[in-house]
Amino acid sequence: MKEAKQSSPENFKTRVWRESLPVIHLAAAVAVAINDRERMGENKTSYGNLIADAKFIFDVLRYTKEYEIIIKNNKLPIEAKKLVSIQLVK
């Protein structure tokens, strides 16, 4: 809240948290994939990894689909129809 310059928890929830819900599964996937890399002793992850590192991108997409399934199975109080859908295409 401090970084967003919001003093009221309700304001923060309305202006920041709710707006991020459609991509919460993607954000969580990126965070977990970064954590996985760092636990394995790999170099710091950068934005370049999201563009050019095929393994990292694959890991992020795999986690994203897993989290999307969890949300769609009503395991979290998020409207599944509002999620940004990620599709893998060959």
C-alpha atoms as a PDB file:
ATOM      1  CA  MET A   1       0.000   0.000   0.000  1.00  0.00           C
ATOM      2  CA  LYS A   2       2.858   2.355   0.810  1.00  0.00           C
ATOM      3  CA  GLU A   3       4.420   1.992  -2.668  1.00  0.00           C
ATOM      4  CA  ALA A   4       1.039   2.632  -4.307  1.00  0.00           C
ATOM      5  CA  LYS A   5       0.590   5.694  -2.061  1.00  0.00           C
ATOM      6  CA  GLN A   6      -2.669   4.319  -0.714  1.00  0.00           C
ATOM      7  CA  SER A   7      -3.434   4.747   2.983  1.00  0.00           C
ATOM      8  CA  SER A   8      -6.806   3.049   3.058  1.00  0.00           C
ATOM      9  CA  PRO A   9      -6.938  -0.754   2.769  1.00  0.00           C
ATOM     10  CA  GLU A  10     -10.298  -0.513   0.977  1.00  0.00           C
ATOM     11  CA  ASN A  11      -8.882   1.970  -1.560  1.00  0.00           C
ATOM     12  CA  PHE A  12      -5.932  -0.321  -2.201  1.00  0.00           C
ATOM     13  CA  LYS A  13      -8.201  -3.316  -2.614  1.00  0.00           C
ATOM     14  CA  THR A  14     -10.446  -1.453  -5.063  1.00  0.00           C
ATOM     15  CA  ARG A  15      -7.818   0.352  -7.124  1.00  0.00           C
ATOM     16  CA  VAL A  16      -4.961  -2.151  -7.208  1.00  0.00           C
ATOM     17  CA  TRP A  17      -5.951  -5.633  -6.104  1.00  0.00           C
ATOM     18  CA  ARG A  18      -9.238  -5.974  -8.036  1.00  0.00           C
ATOM     19  CA  GLU A  19      -7.685  -4.571 -11.204  1.00  0.00           C
ATOM     20  CA  SER A  20      -4.978  -7.263 -11.106  1.00  0.00           C
ATOM     21  CA  LEU A  21      -7.332 -10.238 -10.675  1.00  0.00           C
ATOM     22  CA  PRO A  22      -7.667 -11.034 -14.420  1.00  0.00           C
ATOM     23  CA  VAL A  23      -3.923 -11.792 -14.536  1.00  0.00           C
ATOM     24  CA  ILE A  24      -3.404 -13.132 -11.018  1.00  0.00           C
ATOM     25  CA  HIS A  25      -2.724 -16.648 -12.342  1.00  0.00           C
ATOM     26  CA  LEU A  26      -0.062 -15.285 -14.705  1.00  0.00           C
ATOM     27  CA  ALA A  27       1.558 -13.134 -12.006  1.00  0.00           C
ATOM     28  CA  ALA A  28       1.675 -16.085  -9.612  1.00  0.00           C
ATOM     29  CA  ALA A  29       3.171 -18.288 -12.336  1.00  0.00           C
ATOM     30  CA  VAL A  30       5.960 -15.781 -13.038  1.00  0.00           C
ATOM     31  CA  ALA A  31       6.730 -15.487  -9.322  1.00  0.00           C
ATOM     32  CA  VAL A  32       6.884 -19.261  -8.836  1.00  0.00           C
ATOM     33  CA  ALA A  33       8.993 -19.795 -11.967  1.00  0.00           C
ATOM     34  CA  ILE A  34      11.457 -17.124 -10.779  1.00  0.00           C
ATOM     35  CA  ASN A  35      11.559 -18.739  -7.339  1.00  0.00           C
ATOM     36  CA  ASP A  36      12.225 -22.153  -8.912  1.00  0.00           C
ATOM     37  CA  ARG A  37      15.165 -20.763 -10.919  1.00  0.00           C
ATOM     38  CA  GLU A  38      16.700 -19.029  -7.937  1.00  0.00           C
ATOM     39  CA  ARG A  39      16.375 -22.117  -5.717  1.00  0.00           C
ATOM     40  CA  MET A  40      18.251 -24.083  -8.373  1.00  0.00           C
ATOM     41  CA  GLY A  41      21.073 -21.523  -8.244  1.00  0.00           C
ATOM     42  CA  GLU A  42      20.441 -19.958 -11.633  1.00  0.00           C
ATOM     43  CA  ASN A  43      21.227 -16.327 -12.345  1.00  0.00           C
ATOM     44  CA  LYS A  44      18.737 -13.618 -11.546  1.00  0.00           C
ATOM     45  CA  THR A  45      15.751 -13.609 -13.857  1.00  0.00           C
ATOM     46  CA  SER A  46      15.187 -10.534 -16.010  1.00  0.00           C
ATOM     47  CA  TYR A  47      12.545  -9.332 -18.434  1.00  0.00           C
ATOM     48  CA  GLY A  48      14.669 -10.861 -21.182  1.00  0.00           C
ATOM     49  CA  ASN A  49      13.872 -14.310 -19.811  1.00  0.00           C
ATOM     50  CA  LEU A  50      10.182 -13.649 -20.457  1.00  0.00           C
ATOM     51  CA  ILE A  51      11.021 -12.968 -24.095  1.00  0.00           C
ATOM     52  CA  ALA A  52      13.903 -15.229 -25.046  1.00  0.00           C
ATOM     53  CA  ASP A  53      14.295 -18.056 -22.509  1.00  0.00           C
ATOM     54  CA  ALA A  54      12.188 -20.915 -23.880  1.00  0.00           C
ATOM     55  CA  LYS A  55      12.432 -23.055 -20.734  1.00  0.00           C
ATOM     56  CA  PHE A  56      11.451 -20.169 -18.474  1.00  0.00           C
ATOM     57  CA  ILE A  57       8.536 -19.245 -20.747  1.00  0.00           C
ATOM     58  CA  PHE A  58       7.398 -22.882 -20.812  1.00  0.00           C
ATOM     59  CA  ASP A  59       7.536 -23.059 -17.003  1.00  0.00           C
ATOM     60  CA  VAL A  60       5.543 -19.833 -16.670  1.00  0.00           C
ATOM     61  CA  LEU A  61       2.892 -21.055 -19.118  1.00  0.00           C
ATOM     62  CA  ARG A  62       2.665 -24.454 -17.419  1.00  0.00           C
ATOM     63  CA  TYR A  63       2.133 -22.854 -14.007  1.00  0.00           C
ATOM     64  CA  THR A  64      -0.327 -20.356 -15.514  1.00  0.00           C
ATOM     65  CA  LYS A  65      -2.526 -23.153 -16.869  1.00  0.00           C
ATOM     66  CA  GLU A  66      -2.364 -25.007 -13.532  1.00  0.00           C
ATOM     67  CA  TYR A  67      -3.446 -21.911 -11.600  1.00  0.00           C
ATOM     68  CA  GLU A  68      -6.177 -21.165 -14.131  1.00  0.00           C
ATOM     69  CA  ILE A  69      -7.580 -24.671 -13.547  1.00  0.00           C
ATOM     70  CA  ILE A  70      -7.504 -24.158  -9.774  1.00  0.00           C
ATOM     71  CA  ILE A  71      -9.398 -20.876 -10.130  1.00  0.00           C
ATOM     72  CA  LYS A  72     -11.909 -22.345 -12.582  1.00  0.00           C
ATOM     73  CA  ASN A  73     -12.583 -25.209 -10.193  1.00  0.00           C
ATOM     74  CA  ASN A  74     -13.688 -22.606  -7.636  1.00  0.00           C
ATOM     75  CA  LYS A  75     -10.762 -23.141  -5.326  1.00  0.00           C
ATOM     76  CA  LEU A  76     -10.283 -19.360  -5.121  1.00  0.00           C
ATOM     77  CA  PRO A  77     -12.895 -16.597  -4.909  1.00  0.00           C
ATOM     78  CA  ILE A  78     -12.091 -15.144  -8.347  1.00  0.00           C
ATOM     79  CA  GLU A  79     -14.485 -15.037 -11.295  1.00  0.00           C
ATOM     80  CA  ALA A  80     -12.939 -17.435 -13.822  1.00  0.00           C
ATOM     81  CA  LYS A  81     -14.629 -15.741 -16.774  1.00  0.00           C
ATOM     82  CA  LYS A  82     -12.656 -12.565 -16.055  1.00  0.00           C
ATOM     83  CA  LEU A  83      -9.256 -14.267 -16.279  1.00  0.00           C
ATOM     84  CA  VAL A  84      -7.007 -13.422 -19.194  1.00  0.00           C
ATOM     85  CA  SER A  85      -6.807 -16.751 -20.980  1.00  0.00           C
ATOM     86  CA  ILE A  86      -3.434 -18.083 -22.112  1.00  0.00           C
ATOM     87  CA  GLN A  87      -3.432 -20.403 -25.108  1.00  0.00           C
ATOM     88  CA  LEU A  88      -0.510 -22.442 -26.381  1.00  0.00           C
ATOM     89  CA  VAL A  89      -0.440 -22.687 -30.169  1.00  0.00           C
ATOM     90  CA  LYS A  90       2.027 -24.493 -32.421  1.00  0.00           C
END
